Amino acid sequence: MGNEVSKFNETVECHMRLGIDVRQADQQIRSTVVLPAGLGKEVKVCVIAKGAKATEATEAGADFAGAEEIIDKIIAENADSVESYKNGNQKIFGFLMGQVVRTAGKGANPKLAKDLLTEKLK
């Protein structure tokens, strides 16, 4: 997005007079437009799975796949939180689970992630 003219998020709004009755369900119009440059955000796909499913995800184009590797990465990046959890602060577990889900996005299996995180934090 290197061709912006202003310092704010530029938008376009379009109004059309179509002569329809919007109260009628069959006359409502809703649509989306795909922008040529996309949203300008880089999307990463991370899948928490074991064995064949992790391999399948990698072959399908996932940036990260695996279970223990992702959990180990989260634990390494949040060493202070892990230490706090081991000292008795149980609320930190929710934070660590949030980090796992944030990293994995929609590819996270919550039950598997919770079990692995619990096992790794013992």
PDB file of N, CA and C in Angstrom:
ATOM      1  N   MET A   1       0.830  -1.168   0.000  1.00  0.00           N
ATOM      2  CA  MET A   1       0.000   0.000   0.000  1.00  0.00           C
ATOM      3  C   MET A   1       0.886   1.247   0.000  1.00  0.00           C
ATOM      4  N   GLY A   2       1.728   1.369  -0.960  1.00  0.00           N
ATOM      5  CA  GLY A   2       2.662   2.453  -0.990  1.00  0.00           C
ATOM      6  C   GLY A   2       2.167   3.682  -1.720  1.00  0.00           C
ATOM      7  N   ASN A   3       0.960   3.674  -2.248  1.00  0.00           N
ATOM      8  CA  ASN A   3       0.500   4.820  -3.026  1.00  0.00           C
ATOM      9  C   ASN A   3      -0.611   5.611  -2.331  1.00  0.00           C
ATOM     10  N   GLU A   4      -0.616   5.630  -0.982  1.00  0.00           N
ATOM     11  CA  GLU A   4      -1.609   6.413  -0.261  1.00  0.00           C
ATOM     12  C   GLU A   4      -1.300   7.894  -0.367  1.00  0.00           C
ATOM     13  N   VAL A   5      -2.325   8.689  -0.393  1.00  0.00           N
ATOM     14  CA  VAL A   5      -2.176  10.138  -0.472  1.00  0.00           C
ATOM     15  C   VAL A   5      -2.345  10.755   0.911  1.00  0.00           C
ATOM     16  N   SER A   6      -3.153  10.139   1.738  1.00  0.00           N
ATOM     17  CA  SER A   6      -3.449  10.715   3.045  1.00  0.00           C
ATOM     18  C   SER A   6      -2.906   9.826   4.154  1.00  0.00           C
ATOM     19  N   LYS A   7      -2.978  10.321   5.395  1.00  0.00           N
ATOM     20  CA  LYS A   7      -2.451   9.599   6.545  1.00  0.00           C
ATOM     21  C   LYS A   7      -3.511   8.743   7.232  1.00  0.00           C
ATOM     22  N   PHE A   8      -4.707   8.638   6.673  1.00  0.00           N
ATOM     23  CA  PHE A   8      -5.770   7.858   7.273  1.00  0.00           C
ATOM     24  C   PHE A   8      -6.173   6.720   6.331  1.00  0.00           C
ATOM     25  N   ASN A   9      -6.983   5.823   6.829  1.00  0.00           N
ATOM     26  CA  ASN A   9      -7.460   4.693   6.052  1.00  0.00           C
ATOM     27  C   ASN A   9      -8.479   5.188   5.023  1.00  0.00           C
ATOM     28  N   GLU A  10      -8.096   5.208   3.781  1.00  0.00           N
ATOM     29  CA  GLU A  10      -8.957   5.734   2.730  1.00  0.00           C
ATOM     30  C   GLU A  10     -10.053   4.726   2.392  1.00  0.00           C
ATOM     31  N   THR A  11     -11.272   5.195   2.239  1.00  0.00           N
ATOM     32  CA  THR A  11     -12.395   4.322   1.890  1.00  0.00           C
ATOM     33  C   THR A  11     -13.194   4.961   0.768  1.00  0.00           C
ATOM     34  N   VAL A  12     -14.019   4.131   0.145  1.00  0.00           N
ATOM     35  CA  VAL A  12     -14.914   4.605  -0.911  1.00  0.00           C
ATOM     36  C   VAL A  12     -16.319   4.181  -0.531  1.00  0.00           C
ATOM     37  N   GLU A  13     -17.259   5.102  -0.609  1.00  0.00           N
ATOM     38  CA  GLU A  13     -18.649   4.797  -0.312  1.00  0.00           C
ATOM     39  C   GLU A  13     -19.466   5.119  -1.545  1.00  0.00           C
ATOM     40  N   CYS A  14     -20.378   4.226  -1.900  1.00  0.00           N
ATOM     41  CA  CYS A  14     -21.154   4.392  -3.126  1.00  0.00           C
ATOM     42  C   CYS A  14     -22.642   4.294  -2.791  1.00  0.00           C
ATOM     43  N   HIS A  15     -23.444   5.257  -3.264  1.00  0.00           N
ATOM     44  CA  HIS A  15     -24.881   5.240  -3.067  1.00  0.00           C
ATOM     45  C   HIS A  15     -25.550   5.163  -4.438  1.00  0.00           C
ATOM     46  N   MET A  16     -26.536   4.266  -4.562  1.00  0.00           N
ATOM     47  CA  MET A  16     -27.258   4.121  -5.833  1.00  0.00           C
ATOM     48  C   MET A  16     -28.752   4.124  -5.563  1.00  0.00           C
ATOM     49  N   ARG A  17     -29.494   4.738  -6.436  1.00  0.00           N
ATOM     50  CA  ARG A  17     -30.948   4.712  -6.341  1.00  0.00           C
ATOM     51  C   ARG A  17     -31.429   3.610  -7.285  1.00  0.00           C
ATOM     52  N   LEU A  18     -31.884   2.504  -6.701  1.00  0.00           N
ATOM     53  CA  LEU A  18     -32.265   1.346  -7.501  1.00  0.00           C
ATOM     54  C   LEU A  18     -33.764   1.203  -7.685  1.00  0.00           C
ATOM     55  N   GLY A  19     -34.552   1.932  -6.917  1.00  0.00           N
ATOM     56  CA  GLY A  19     -36.000   1.852  -7.055  1.00  0.00           C
ATOM     57  C   GLY A  19     -36.571   0.529  -6.546  1.00  0.00           C
ATOM     58  N   ILE A  20     -36.003   0.000  -5.489  1.00  0.00           N
ATOM     59  CA  ILE A  20     -36.508  -1.257  -4.924  1.00  0.00           C
ATOM     60  C   ILE A  20     -37.073  -0.987  -3.538  1.00  0.00           C
ATOM     61  N   ASP A  21     -37.889  -1.910  -3.051  1.00  0.00           N
ATOM     62  CA  ASP A  21     -38.455  -1.817  -1.708  1.00  0.00           C
ATOM     63  C   ASP A  21     -37.610  -2.696  -0.798  1.00  0.00           C
ATOM     64  N   VAL A  22     -36.760  -2.107   0.028  1.00  0.00           N
ATOM     65  CA  VAL A  22     -35.826  -2.869   0.859  1.00  0.00           C
ATOM     66  C   VAL A  22     -36.524  -3.657   1.965  1.00  0.00           C
ATOM     67  N   ARG A  23     -37.805  -3.359   2.195  1.00  0.00           N
ATOM     68  CA  ARG A  23     -38.542  -4.126   3.203  1.00  0.00           C
ATOM     69  C   ARG A  23     -38.924  -5.500   2.684  1.00  0.00           C
ATOM     70  N   GLN A  24     -38.882  -5.683   1.390  1.00  0.00           N
ATOM     71  CA  GLN A  24     -39.201  -6.976   0.784  1.00  0.00           C
ATOM     72  C   GLN A  24     -37.921  -7.808   0.726  1.00  0.00           C
ATOM     73  N   ALA A  25     -37.981  -9.013   1.265  1.00  0.00           N
ATOM     74  CA  ALA A  25     -36.789  -9.861   1.352  1.00  0.00           C
ATOM     75  C   ALA A  25     -36.208 -10.198  -0.014  1.00  0.00           C
ATOM     76  N   ASP A  26     -37.060 -10.376  -1.005  1.00  0.00           N
ATOM     77  CA  ASP A  26     -36.552 -10.755  -2.325  1.00  0.00           C
ATOM     78  C   ASP A  26     -35.991  -9.573  -3.112  1.00  0.00           C
ATOM     79  N   GLN A  27     -36.064  -8.362  -2.560  1.00  0.00           N
ATOM     80  CA  GLN A  27     -35.544  -7.193  -3.257  1.00  0.00           C
ATOM     81  C   GLN A  27     -34.319  -6.589  -2.570  1.00  0.00           C
ATOM     82  N   GLN A  28     -33.802  -7.245  -1.555  1.00  0.00           N
ATOM     83  CA  GLN A  28     -32.618  -6.731  -0.875  1.00  0.00           C
ATOM     84  C   GLN A  28     -31.369  -7.114  -1.659  1.00  0.00           C
ATOM     85  N   ILE A  29     -30.423  -6.186  -1.709  1.00  0.00           N
ATOM     86  CA  ILE A  29     -29.186  -6.413  -2.447  1.00  0.00           C
ATOM     87  C   ILE A  29     -28.019  -6.269  -1.483  1.00  0.00           C
ATOM     88  N   ARG A  30     -27.186  -7.295  -1.451  1.00  0.00           N
ATOM     89  CA  ARG A  30     -25.976  -7.254  -0.628  1.00  0.00           C
ATOM     90  C   ARG A  30     -24.855  -7.859  -1.450  1.00  0.00           C
ATOM     91  N   SER A  31     -23.711  -7.264  -1.376  1.00  0.00           N
ATOM     92  CA  SER A  31     -22.608  -7.755  -2.177  1.00  0.00           C
ATOM     93  C   SER A  31     -21.293  -7.318  -1.562  1.00  0.00           C
ATOM     94  N   THR A  32     -20.233  -7.955  -1.979  1.00  0.00           N
ATOM     95  CA  THR A  32     -18.891  -7.560  -1.581  1.00  0.00           C
ATOM     96  C   THR A  32     -18.046  -7.413  -2.830  1.00  0.00           C
ATOM     97  N   VAL A  33     -16.984  -6.697  -2.681  1.00  0.00           N
ATOM     98  CA  VAL A  33     -16.082  -6.464  -3.808  1.00  0.00           C
ATOM     99  C   VAL A  33     -14.698  -6.939  -3.409  1.00  0.00           C
ATOM    100  N   VAL A  34     -14.064  -7.706  -4.271  1.00  0.00           N
ATOM    101  CA  VAL A  34     -12.702  -8.151  -4.022  1.00  0.00           C
ATOM    102  C   VAL A  34     -11.762  -7.095  -4.592  1.00  0.00           C
ATOM    103  N   LEU A  35     -10.933  -6.553  -3.732  1.00  0.00           N
ATOM    104  CA  LEU A  35     -10.004  -5.522  -4.168  1.00  0.00           C
ATOM    105  C   LEU A  35      -8.828  -6.156  -4.911  1.00  0.00           C
ATOM    106  N   PRO A  36      -8.288  -5.475  -5.921  1.00  0.00           N
ATOM    107  CA  PRO A  36      -7.223  -6.069  -6.715  1.00  0.00           C
ATOM    108  C   PRO A  36      -5.948  -6.350  -5.926  1.00  0.00           C
ATOM    109  N   ALA A  37      -5.666  -5.552  -4.916  1.00  0.00           N
ATOM    110  CA  ALA A  37      -4.455  -5.768  -4.130  1.00  0.00           C
ATOM    111  C   ALA A  37      -4.761  -6.517  -2.836  1.00  0.00           C
ATOM    112  N   GLY A  38      -5.970  -7.009  -2.674  1.00  0.00           N
ATOM    113  CA  GLY A  38      -6.347  -7.698  -1.449  1.00  0.00           C
ATOM    114  C   GLY A  38      -6.487  -6.715  -0.300  1.00  0.00           C
ATOM    115  N   LEU A  39      -6.308  -7.193   0.906  1.00  0.00           N
ATOM    116  CA  LEU A  39      -6.434  -6.343   2.082  1.00  0.00           C
ATOM    117  C   LEU A  39      -5.105  -5.733   2.494  1.00  0.00           C
ATOM    118  N   GLY A  40      -4.034  -6.153   1.849  1.00  0.00           N
ATOM    119  CA  GLY A  40      -2.724  -5.635   2.205  1.00  0.00           C
ATOM    120  C   GLY A  40      -2.119  -6.302   3.416  1.00  0.00           C
ATOM    121  N   LYS A  41      -2.759  -7.336   3.925  1.00  0.00           N
ATOM    122  CA  LYS A  41      -2.249  -8.044   5.092  1.00  0.00           C
ATOM    123  C   LYS A  41      -1.662  -9.379   4.647  1.00  0.00           C
ATOM    124  N   GLU A  42      -0.574  -9.746   5.270  1.00  0.00           N
ATOM    125  CA  GLU A  42       0.024 -11.040   4.990  1.00  0.00           C
ATOM    126  C   GLU A  42      -0.639 -12.071   5.895  1.00  0.00           C
ATOM    127  N   VAL A  43      -1.133 -13.144   5.320  1.00  0.00           N
ATOM    128  CA  VAL A  43      -1.846 -14.166   6.072  1.00  0.00           C
ATOM    129  C   VAL A  43      -0.945 -15.381   6.229  1.00  0.00           C
ATOM    130  N   LYS A  44      -0.832 -15.874   7.461  1.00  0.00           N
ATOM    131  CA  LYS A  44      -0.064 -17.083   7.726  1.00  0.00           C
ATOM    132  C   LYS A  44      -1.028 -18.150   8.216  1.00  0.00           C
ATOM    133  N   VAL A  45      -0.812 -19.367   7.776  1.00  0.00           N
ATOM    134  CA  VAL A  45      -1.657 -20.485   8.170  1.00  0.00           C
ATOM    135  C   VAL A  45      -0.841 -21.405   9.069  1.00  0.00           C
ATOM    136  N   CYS A  46      -1.389 -21.682  10.248  1.00  0.00           N
ATOM    137  CA  CYS A  46      -0.721 -22.532  11.224  1.00  0.00           C
ATOM    138  C   CYS A  46      -1.723 -23.601  11.664  1.00  0.00           C
ATOM    139  N   VAL A  47      -1.317 -24.861  11.626  1.00  0.00           N
ATOM    140  CA  VAL A  47      -2.215 -25.960  11.962  1.00  0.00           C
ATOM    141  C   VAL A  47      -1.609 -26.766  13.105  1.00  0.00           C
ATOM    142  N   ILE A  48      -2.400 -26.985  14.152  1.00  0.00           N
ATOM    143  CA  ILE A  48      -1.967 -27.835  15.258  1.00  0.00           C
ATOM    144  C   ILE A  48      -2.568 -29.211  15.021  1.00  0.00           C
ATOM    145  N   ALA A  49      -1.716 -30.135  14.659  1.00  0.00           N
ATOM    146  CA  ALA A  49      -2.148 -31.509  14.391  1.00  0.00           C
ATOM    147  C   ALA A  49      -0.937 -32.417  14.558  1.00  0.00           C
ATOM    148  N   LYS A  50      -1.186 -33.706  14.629  1.00  0.00           N
ATOM    149  CA  LYS A  50      -0.107 -34.684  14.774  1.00  0.00           C
ATOM    150  C   LYS A  50      -0.091 -35.624  13.577  1.00  0.00           C
ATOM    151  N   GLY A  51       1.075 -36.165  13.301  1.00  0.00           N
ATOM    152  CA  GLY A  51       1.222 -37.232  12.320  1.00  0.00           C
ATOM    153  C   GLY A  51       0.810 -36.883  10.912  1.00  0.00           C
ATOM    154  N   ALA A  52      -0.061 -37.723  10.354  1.00  0.00           N
ATOM    155  CA  ALA A  52      -0.473 -37.584   8.950  1.00  0.00           C
ATOM    156  C   ALA A  52      -1.215 -36.278   8.696  1.00  0.00           C
ATOM    157  N   LYS A  53      -1.996 -35.827   9.664  1.00  0.00           N
ATOM    158  CA  LYS A  53      -2.743 -34.577   9.484  1.00  0.00           C
ATOM    159  C   LYS A  53      -1.797 -33.380   9.370  1.00  0.00           C
ATOM    160  N   ALA A  54      -0.703 -33.382  10.145  1.00  0.00           N
ATOM    161  CA  ALA A  54       0.280 -32.303  10.057  1.00  0.00           C
ATOM    162  C   ALA A  54       0.966 -32.322   8.699  1.00  0.00           C
ATOM    163  N   THR A  55       1.298 -33.505   8.223  1.00  0.00           N
ATOM    164  CA  THR A  55       1.917 -33.634   6.901  1.00  0.00           C
ATOM    165  C   THR A  55       0.961 -33.181   5.815  1.00  0.00           C
ATOM    166  N   GLU A  56      -0.293 -33.566   5.939  1.00  0.00           N
ATOM    167  CA  GLU A  56      -1.314 -33.170   4.971  1.00  0.00           C
ATOM    168  C   GLU A  56      -1.480 -31.647   4.939  1.00  0.00           C
ATOM    169  N   ALA A  57      -1.445 -31.019   6.111  1.00  0.00           N
ATOM    170  CA  ALA A  57      -1.575 -29.566   6.179  1.00  0.00           C
ATOM    171  C   ALA A  57      -0.381 -28.876   5.530  1.00  0.00           C
ATOM    172  N   THR A  58       0.815 -29.401   5.759  1.00  0.00           N
ATOM    173  CA  THR A  58       2.009 -28.818   5.151  1.00  0.00           C
ATOM    174  C   THR A  58       1.950 -28.930   3.636  1.00  0.00           C
ATOM    175  N   GLU A  59       1.518 -30.081   3.152  1.00  0.00           N
ATOM    176  CA  GLU A  59       1.405 -30.285   1.702  1.00  0.00           C
ATOM    177  C   GLU A  59       0.331 -29.384   1.092  1.00  0.00           C
ATOM    178  N   ALA A  60      -0.684 -29.035   1.892  1.00  0.00           N
ATOM    179  CA  ALA A  60      -1.763 -28.176   1.403  1.00  0.00           C
ATOM    180  C   ALA A  60      -1.364 -26.700   1.399  1.00  0.00           C
ATOM    181  N   GLY A  61      -0.190 -26.373   1.984  1.00  0.00           N
ATOM    182  CA  GLY A  61       0.292 -25.000   1.925  1.00  0.00           C
ATOM    183  C   GLY A  61       0.335 -24.263   3.245  1.00  0.00           C
ATOM    184  N   ALA A  62       0.185 -24.972   4.361  1.00  0.00           N
ATOM    185  CA  ALA A  62       0.249 -24.313   5.666  1.00  0.00           C
ATOM    186  C   ALA A  62       1.678 -23.826   5.931  1.00  0.00           C
ATOM    187  N   ASP A  63       1.817 -22.634   6.538  1.00  0.00           N
ATOM    188  CA  ASP A  63       3.133 -22.094   6.863  1.00  0.00           C
ATOM    189  C   ASP A  63       3.778 -22.862   8.012  1.00  0.00           C
ATOM    190  N   PHE A  64       2.981 -23.214   9.004  1.00  0.00           N
ATOM    191  CA  PHE A  64       3.460 -23.991  10.144  1.00  0.00           C
ATOM    192  C   PHE A  64       2.495 -25.148  10.350  1.00  0.00           C
ATOM    193  N   ALA A  65       3.024 -26.312  10.636  1.00  0.00           N
ATOM    194  CA  ALA A  65       2.169 -27.451  10.960  1.00  0.00           C
ATOM    195  C   ALA A  65       2.903 -28.311  11.970  1.00  0.00           C
ATOM    196  N   GLY A  66       2.172 -28.865  12.868  1.00  0.00           N
ATOM    197  CA  GLY A  66       2.746 -29.691  13.910  1.00  0.00           C
ATOM    198  C   GLY A  66       2.104 -29.303  15.219  1.00  0.00           C
ATOM    199  N   ALA A  67       2.356 -30.074  16.234  1.00  0.00           N
ATOM    200  CA  ALA A  67       1.754 -29.765  17.515  1.00  0.00           C
ATOM    201  C   ALA A  67       2.823 -29.360  18.521  1.00  0.00           C
ATOM    202  N   GLU A  68       3.749 -30.284  18.780  1.00  0.00           N
ATOM    203  CA  GLU A  68       4.767 -29.996  19.785  1.00  0.00           C
ATOM    204  C   GLU A  68       5.643 -28.816  19.399  1.00  0.00           C
ATOM    205  N   GLU A  69       5.951 -28.682  18.111  1.00  0.00           N
ATOM    206  CA  GLU A  69       6.829 -27.597  17.669  1.00  0.00           C
ATOM    207  C   GLU A  69       6.211 -26.232  17.975  1.00  0.00           C
ATOM    208  N   ILE A  70       4.917 -26.109  17.707  1.00  0.00           N
ATOM    209  CA  ILE A  70       4.229 -24.839  17.932  1.00  0.00           C
ATOM    210  C   ILE A  70       4.130 -24.538  19.431  1.00  0.00           C
ATOM    211  N   ILE A  71       3.796 -25.553  20.223  1.00  0.00           N
ATOM    212  CA  ILE A  71       3.698 -25.376  21.679  1.00  0.00           C
ATOM    213  C   ILE A  71       5.065 -24.998  22.239  1.00  0.00           C
ATOM    214  N   ASP A  72       6.136 -25.678  21.771  1.00  0.00           N
ATOM    215  CA  ASP A  72       7.490 -25.354  22.235  1.00  0.00           C
ATOM    216  C   ASP A  72       7.866 -23.922  21.883  1.00  0.00           C
ATOM    217  N   LYS A  73       7.470 -23.477  20.706  1.00  0.00           N
ATOM    218  CA  LYS A  73       7.757 -22.111  20.270  1.00  0.00           C
ATOM    219  C   LYS A  73       7.055 -21.105  21.188  1.00  0.00           C
ATOM    220  N   ILE A  74       5.793 -21.365  21.517  1.00  0.00           N
ATOM    221  CA  ILE A  74       5.024 -20.473  22.404  1.00  0.00           C
ATOM    222  C   ILE A  74       5.669 -20.433  23.788  1.00  0.00           C
ATOM    223  N   ILE A  75       6.073 -21.587  24.292  1.00  0.00           N
ATOM    224  CA  ILE A  75       6.692 -21.650  25.620  1.00  0.00           C
ATOM    225  C   ILE A  75       8.009 -20.889  25.629  1.00  0.00           C
ATOM    226  N   ALA A  76       8.794 -21.031  24.570  1.00  0.00           N
ATOM    227  CA  ALA A  76      10.082 -20.330  24.492  1.00  0.00           C
ATOM    228  C   ALA A  76       9.885 -18.811  24.410  1.00  0.00           C
ATOM    229  N   GLU A  77       8.881 -18.364  23.674  1.00  0.00           N
ATOM    230  CA  GLU A  77       8.636 -16.930  23.510  1.00  0.00           C
ATOM    231  C   GLU A  77       8.058 -16.284  24.764  1.00  0.00           C
ATOM    232  N   ASN A  78       7.421 -17.081  25.624  1.00  0.00           N
ATOM    233  CA  ASN A  78       6.757 -16.544  26.816  1.00  0.00           C
ATOM    234  C   ASN A  78       7.325 -17.172  28.084  1.00  0.00           C
ATOM    235  N   ALA A  79       8.639 -17.156  28.211  1.00  0.00           N
ATOM    236  CA  ALA A  79       9.311 -17.810  29.342  1.00  0.00           C
ATOM    237  C   ALA A  79       8.868 -17.222  30.682  1.00  0.00           C
ATOM    238  N   ASP A  80       8.671 -15.914  30.747  1.00  0.00           N
ATOM    239  CA  ASP A  80       8.240 -15.284  32.004  1.00  0.00           C
ATOM    240  C   ASP A  80       6.861 -15.778  32.429  1.00  0.00           C
ATOM    241  N   SER A  81       5.957 -15.899  31.484  1.00  0.00           N
ATOM    242  CA  SER A  81       4.604 -16.374  31.783  1.00  0.00           C
ATOM    243  C   SER A  81       4.628 -17.828  32.222  1.00  0.00           C
ATOM    244  N   VAL A  82       5.468 -18.623  31.587  1.00  0.00           N
ATOM    245  CA  VAL A  82       5.582 -20.038  31.965  1.00  0.00           C
ATOM    246  C   VAL A  82       6.096 -20.155  33.387  1.00  0.00           C
ATOM    247  N   GLU A  83       7.088 -19.342  33.727  1.00  0.00           N
ATOM    248  CA  GLU A  83       7.634 -19.361  35.088  1.00  0.00           C
ATOM    249  C   GLU A  83       6.568 -18.949  36.104  1.00  0.00           C
ATOM    250  N   SER A  84       5.766 -17.940  35.761  1.00  0.00           N
ATOM    251  CA  SER A  84       4.686 -17.498  36.633  1.00  0.00           C
ATOM    252  C   SER A  84       3.646 -18.611  36.819  1.00  0.00           C
ATOM    253  N   TYR A  85       3.347 -19.337  35.748  1.00  0.00           N
ATOM    254  CA  TYR A  85       2.391 -20.451  35.830  1.00  0.00           C
ATOM    255  C   TYR A  85       2.925 -21.540  36.754  1.00  0.00           C
ATOM    256  N   LYS A  86       4.204 -21.853  36.596  1.00  0.00           N
ATOM    257  CA  LYS A  86       4.809 -22.904  37.430  1.00  0.00           C
ATOM    258  C   LYS A  86       4.901 -22.490  38.891  1.00  0.00           C
ATOM    259  N   ASN A  87       4.876 -21.186  39.163  1.00  0.00           N
ATOM    260  CA  ASN A  87       4.894 -20.693  40.542  1.00  0.00           C
ATOM    261  C   ASN A  87       3.502 -20.586  41.146  1.00  0.00           C
ATOM    262  N   GLY A  88       2.460 -21.045  40.411  1.00  0.00           N
ATOM    263  CA  GLY A  88       1.130 -21.118  40.987  1.00  0.00           C
ATOM    264  C   GLY A  88       0.082 -20.191  40.391  1.00  0.00           C
ATOM    265  N   ASN A  89       0.437 -19.348  39.448  1.00  0.00           N
ATOM    266  CA  ASN A  89      -0.540 -18.441  38.843  1.00  0.00           C
ATOM    267  C   ASN A  89      -1.287 -19.182  37.730  1.00  0.00           C
ATOM    268  N   GLN A  90      -2.423 -19.786  38.077  1.00  0.00           N
ATOM    269  CA  GLN A  90      -3.178 -20.621  37.129  1.00  0.00           C
ATOM    270  C   GLN A  90      -3.829 -19.803  36.009  1.00  0.00           C
ATOM    271  N   LYS A  91      -4.036 -18.514  36.222  1.00  0.00           N
ATOM    272  CA  LYS A  91      -4.682 -17.675  35.207  1.00  0.00           C
ATOM    273  C   LYS A  91      -3.810 -17.505  33.965  1.00  0.00           C
ATOM    274  N   ILE A  92      -2.519 -17.690  34.115  1.00  0.00           N
ATOM    275  CA  ILE A  92      -1.597 -17.542  32.982  1.00  0.00           C
ATOM    276  C   ILE A  92      -1.853 -18.626  31.930  1.00  0.00           C
ATOM    277  N   PHE A  93      -2.438 -19.739  32.351  1.00  0.00           N
ATOM    278  CA  PHE A  93      -2.719 -20.817  31.386  1.00  0.00           C
ATOM    279  C   PHE A  93      -3.645 -20.322  30.279  1.00  0.00           C
ATOM    280  N   GLY A  94      -4.629 -19.520  30.638  1.00  0.00           N
ATOM    281  CA  GLY A  94      -5.534 -18.947  29.641  1.00  0.00           C
ATOM    282  C   GLY A  94      -4.789 -18.059  28.655  1.00  0.00           C
ATOM    283  N   PHE A  95      -3.826 -17.285  29.167  1.00  0.00           N
ATOM    284  CA  PHE A  95      -3.009 -16.442  28.292  1.00  0.00           C
ATOM    285  C   PHE A  95      -2.213 -17.302  27.319  1.00  0.00           C
ATOM    286  N   LEU A  96      -1.604 -18.361  27.835  1.00  0.00           N
ATOM    287  CA  LEU A  96      -0.794 -19.237  26.978  1.00  0.00           C
ATOM    288  C   LEU A  96      -1.662 -19.947  25.936  1.00  0.00           C
ATOM    289  N   MET A  97      -2.853 -20.372  26.336  1.00  0.00           N
ATOM    290  CA  MET A  97      -3.779 -20.978  25.360  1.00  0.00           C
ATOM    291  C   MET A  97      -4.159 -19.960  24.300  1.00  0.00           C
ATOM    292  N   GLY A  98      -4.365 -18.724  24.711  1.00  0.00           N
ATOM    293  CA  GLY A  98      -4.676 -17.656  23.758  1.00  0.00           C
ATOM    294  C   GLY A  98      -3.549 -17.454  22.759  1.00  0.00           C
ATOM    295  N   GLN A  99      -2.309 -17.548  23.227  1.00  0.00           N
ATOM    296  CA  GLN A  99      -1.164 -17.423  22.329  1.00  0.00           C
ATOM    297  C   GLN A  99      -1.127 -18.568  21.322  1.00  0.00           C
ATOM    298  N   VAL A 100      -1.462 -19.769  21.785  1.00  0.00           N
ATOM    299  CA  VAL A 100      -1.487 -20.932  20.887  1.00  0.00           C
ATOM    300  C   VAL A 100      -2.568 -20.742  19.827  1.00  0.00           C
ATOM    301  N   VAL A 101      -3.755 -20.359  20.249  1.00  0.00           N
ATOM    302  CA  VAL A 101      -4.863 -20.178  19.312  1.00  0.00           C
ATOM    303  C   VAL A 101      -4.577 -19.014  18.363  1.00  0.00           C
ATOM    304  N   ARG A 102      -3.978 -17.935  18.881  1.00  0.00           N
ATOM    305  CA  ARG A 102      -3.639 -16.796  18.026  1.00  0.00           C
ATOM    306  C   ARG A 102      -2.618 -17.208  16.964  1.00  0.00           C
ATOM    307  N   THR A 103      -1.638 -18.003  17.368  1.00  0.00           N
ATOM    308  CA  THR A 103      -0.618 -18.449  16.419  1.00  0.00           C
ATOM    309  C   THR A 103      -1.215 -19.398  15.400  1.00  0.00           C
ATOM    310  N   ALA A 104      -2.062 -20.314  15.864  1.00  0.00           N
ATOM    311  CA  ALA A 104      -2.615 -21.331  14.971  1.00  0.00           C
ATOM    312  C   ALA A 104      -3.830 -20.855  14.203  1.00  0.00           C
ATOM    313  N   GLY A 105      -4.497 -19.815  14.678  1.00  0.00           N
ATOM    314  CA  GLY A 105      -5.686 -19.320  13.991  1.00  0.00           C
ATOM    315  C   GLY A 105      -6.782 -20.369  13.971  1.00  0.00           C
ATOM    316  N   LYS A 106      -7.431 -20.527  12.838  1.00  0.00           N
ATOM    317  CA  LYS A 106      -8.532 -21.477  12.732  1.00  0.00           C
ATOM    318  C   LYS A 106      -8.047 -22.912  12.620  1.00  0.00           C
ATOM    319  N   GLY A 107      -6.742 -23.104  12.504  1.00  0.00           N
ATOM    320  CA  GLY A 107      -6.209 -24.455  12.374  1.00  0.00           C
ATOM    321  C   GLY A 107      -5.966 -25.137  13.697  1.00  0.00           C
ATOM    322  N   ALA A 108      -6.347 -24.510  14.792  1.00  0.00           N
ATOM    323  CA  ALA A 108      -6.079 -25.079  16.110  1.00  0.00           C
ATOM    324  C   ALA A 108      -7.158 -26.081  16.511  1.00  0.00           C
ATOM    325  N   ASN A 109      -6.706 -27.211  17.019  1.00  0.00           N
ATOM    326  CA  ASN A 109      -7.596 -28.181  17.644  1.00  0.00           C
ATOM    327  C   ASN A 109      -7.513 -27.870  19.138  1.00  0.00           C
ATOM    328  N   PRO A 110      -8.513 -27.202  19.726  1.00  0.00           N
ATOM    329  CA  PRO A 110      -8.400 -26.734  21.105  1.00  0.00           C
ATOM    330  C   PRO A 110      -8.121 -27.833  22.123  1.00  0.00           C
ATOM    331  N   LYS A 111      -8.742 -28.979  21.962  1.00  0.00           N
ATOM    332  CA  LYS A 111      -8.527 -30.066  22.919  1.00  0.00           C
ATOM    333  C   LYS A 111      -7.088 -30.556  22.853  1.00  0.00           C
ATOM    334  N   LEU A 112      -6.594 -30.781  21.644  1.00  0.00           N
ATOM    335  CA  LEU A 112      -5.212 -31.232  21.475  1.00  0.00           C
ATOM    336  C   LEU A 112      -4.243 -30.172  21.994  1.00  0.00           C
ATOM    337  N   ALA A 113      -4.500 -28.903  21.683  1.00  0.00           N
ATOM    338  CA  ALA A 113      -3.622 -27.821  22.138  1.00  0.00           C
ATOM    339  C   ALA A 113      -3.602 -27.755  23.670  1.00  0.00           C
ATOM    340  N   LYS A 114      -4.772 -27.870  24.310  1.00  0.00           N
ATOM    341  CA  LYS A 114      -4.846 -27.812  25.767  1.00  0.00           C
ATOM    342  C   LYS A 114      -4.108 -28.979  26.400  1.00  0.00           C
ATOM    343  N   ASP A 115      -4.312 -30.181  25.852  1.00  0.00           N
ATOM    344  CA  ASP A 115      -3.637 -31.365  26.400  1.00  0.00           C
ATOM    345  C   ASP A 115      -2.127 -31.252  26.264  1.00  0.00           C
ATOM    346  N   LEU A 116      -1.653 -30.824  25.102  1.00  0.00           N
ATOM    347  CA  LEU A 116      -0.213 -30.702  24.884  1.00  0.00           C
ATOM    348  C   LEU A 116       0.396 -29.607  25.744  1.00  0.00           C
ATOM    349  N   LEU A 117      -0.290 -28.486  25.870  1.00  0.00           N
ATOM    350  CA  LEU A 117       0.219 -27.390  26.684  1.00  0.00           C
ATOM    351  C   LEU A 117       0.282 -27.802  28.154  1.00  0.00           C
ATOM    352  N   THR A 118      -0.736 -28.502  28.636  1.00  0.00           N
ATOM    353  CA  THR A 118      -0.735 -28.982  30.014  1.00  0.00           C
ATOM    354  C   THR A 118       0.425 -29.937  30.238  1.00  0.00           C
ATOM    355  N   GLU A 119       0.631 -30.830  29.285  1.00  0.00           N
ATOM    356  CA  GLU A 119       1.722 -31.813  29.396  1.00  0.00           C
ATOM    357  C   GLU A 119       3.088 -31.129  29.400  1.00  0.00           C
ATOM    358  N   LYS A 120       3.272 -30.137  28.544  1.00  0.00           N
ATOM    359  CA  LYS A 120       4.565 -29.449  28.424  1.00  0.00           C
ATOM    360  C   LYS A 120       4.863 -28.580  29.648  1.00  0.00           C
ATOM    361  N   LEU A 121       3.826 -28.070  30.313  1.00  0.00           N
ATOM    362  CA  LEU A 121       4.032 -27.185  31.441  1.00  0.00           C
ATOM    363  C   LEU A 121       4.256 -27.921  32.759  1.00  0.00           C
ATOM    364  N   LYS A 122       4.142 -29.236  32.762  1.00  0.00           N
ATOM    365  CA  LYS A 122       4.361 -30.005  34.007  1.00  0.00           C
ATOM    366  C   LYS A 122       5.812 -30.017  34.395  1.00  0.00           C
TER     367      LYS A 122
END
